[in-house]
Amino acid sequence: MEKVLFGLGLLVMVYNVLYGLRLKRAAPGGVIGERSGQMLFFIAFFALAYLGVLLLTWNEPSSLLLLLLSLVLLLGAVFVHLVLRLVDAILASL
């Protein structure tokens, strides 16, 4: 179960990276463009961290700790997606 949740979180983060790339191209220059680049860097970094956690815990037996970790990471990925949607709405209103 944990592996599925880790994988789902990783897929959401990969989608977030692609969504972030699209937003970075749509962002005007200046402060917004600079900050979107920084945000994209951290999203990509955390996507790689999700992959690292998945690989490091692949052979671990199921436990409550891994289940909680996978749920927290999945909800974190969903939070990042919601933030990206908010940024997209803000950019659309400019």
Protein backbone atom coordinates (compact mmCIF):
# COMPACT_ATOMS: atom_id res chain seq x y z
CA MET A 1 0.00 0.00 0.00
CA GLU A 2 2.80 2.41 0.90
CA LYS A 3 4.53 1.84 -2.43
CA VAL A 4 1.35 2.74 -4.29
CA LEU A 5 0.97 5.96 -2.29
CA PHE A 6 4.66 6.83 -2.81
CA GLY A 7 4.26 6.18 -6.54
CA LEU A 8 1.09 8.24 -6.70
CA GLY A 9 2.82 11.11 -4.92
CA LEU A 10 5.72 10.86 -7.38
CA LEU A 11 3.33 10.96 -10.35
CA VAL A 12 1.59 14.03 -8.93
CA MET A 13 4.97 15.71 -8.44
CA VAL A 14 6.05 14.91 -12.02
CA TYR A 15 2.79 16.46 -13.20
CA ASN A 16 3.52 19.45 -10.96
CA VAL A 17 6.95 19.88 -12.58
CA LEU A 18 5.37 19.91 -16.04
CA TYR A 19 2.66 22.30 -14.85
CA GLY A 20 5.34 24.51 -13.29
CA LEU A 21 7.27 24.59 -16.57
CA ARG A 22 4.14 25.77 -18.35
CA LEU A 23 3.56 28.46 -15.74
CA LYS A 24 7.17 29.63 -15.94
CA ARG A 25 6.81 30.14 -19.69
CA ALA A 26 3.55 32.05 -19.15
CA ALA A 27 4.96 34.25 -16.37
CA PRO A 28 6.12 37.71 -17.34
CA GLY A 29 9.67 38.70 -16.49
CA GLY A 30 10.77 40.57 -13.42
CA VAL A 31 10.00 39.40 -9.93
CA ILE A 32 7.25 37.00 -11.00
CA GLY A 33 9.46 35.31 -13.57
CA GLU A 34 12.35 35.04 -11.12
CA ARG A 35 10.22 33.62 -8.32
CA SER A 36 8.53 31.14 -10.66
CA GLY A 37 11.98 29.84 -11.59
CA GLN A 38 12.87 29.39 -7.94
CA MET A 39 9.56 27.68 -7.26
CA LEU A 40 10.12 25.33 -10.19
CA PHE A 41 13.59 24.44 -8.87
CA PHE A 42 12.15 23.43 -5.49
CA ILE A 43 9.30 21.47 -7.09
CA ALA A 44 11.81 19.52 -9.19
CA PHE A 45 14.04 18.99 -6.15
CA PHE A 46 11.15 17.57 -4.14
CA ALA A 47 10.07 15.38 -7.06
CA LEU A 48 13.57 13.85 -7.03
CA ALA A 49 13.30 13.47 -3.26
CA TYR A 50 10.04 11.53 -3.71
CA LEU A 51 11.87 9.20 -6.10
CA GLY A 52 14.70 8.83 -3.60
CA VAL A 53 12.33 7.95 -0.76
CA LEU A 54 10.56 5.42 -2.97
CA LEU A 55 13.85 3.75 -3.90
CA LEU A 56 15.22 3.79 -0.35
CA THR A 57 12.07 2.23 1.13
CA TRP A 58 11.39 -0.26 -1.68
CA ASN A 59 12.62 -3.34 0.25
CA GLU A 60 11.37 -2.20 3.64
CA PRO A 61 8.52 -4.17 5.20
CA SER A 62 5.18 -2.44 5.57
CA SER A 63 4.81 -0.41 8.73
CA LEU A 64 2.66 2.33 10.15
CA LEU A 65 5.57 4.77 9.88
CA LEU A 66 5.91 4.17 6.13
CA LEU A 67 2.16 4.49 5.67
CA LEU A 68 2.12 7.84 7.48
CA LEU A 69 5.17 9.04 5.54
CA SER A 70 3.57 8.10 2.23
CA LEU A 71 0.33 9.87 3.17
CA VAL A 72 2.18 13.03 4.22
CA LEU A 73 4.18 13.07 0.99
CA LEU A 74 1.07 12.47 -1.13
CA LEU A 75 -0.79 15.29 0.61
CA GLY A 76 2.27 17.50 0.14
CA ALA A 77 2.18 16.80 -3.59
CA VAL A 78 -1.52 17.70 -3.67
CA PHE A 79 -0.75 20.92 -1.78
CA VAL A 80 1.91 21.85 -4.35
CA HIS A 81 -0.65 21.25 -7.10
CA LEU A 82 -3.16 23.54 -5.38
CA VAL A 83 -0.52 26.27 -5.04
CA LEU A 84 0.31 25.95 -8.74
CA ARG A 85 -3.37 26.29 -9.62
CA LEU A 86 -3.55 29.42 -7.46
CA VAL A 87 -0.50 30.89 -9.22
CA ASP A 88 -2.05 30.00 -12.58
CA ALA A 89 -5.26 31.84 -11.64
CA ILE A 90 -3.27 34.86 -10.48
CA LEU A 91 -1.26 34.95 -13.71
CA ALA A 92 -4.46 34.62 -15.75
CA SER A 93 -5.93 37.65 -14.00
CA LEU A 94 -2.93 39.89 -14.78
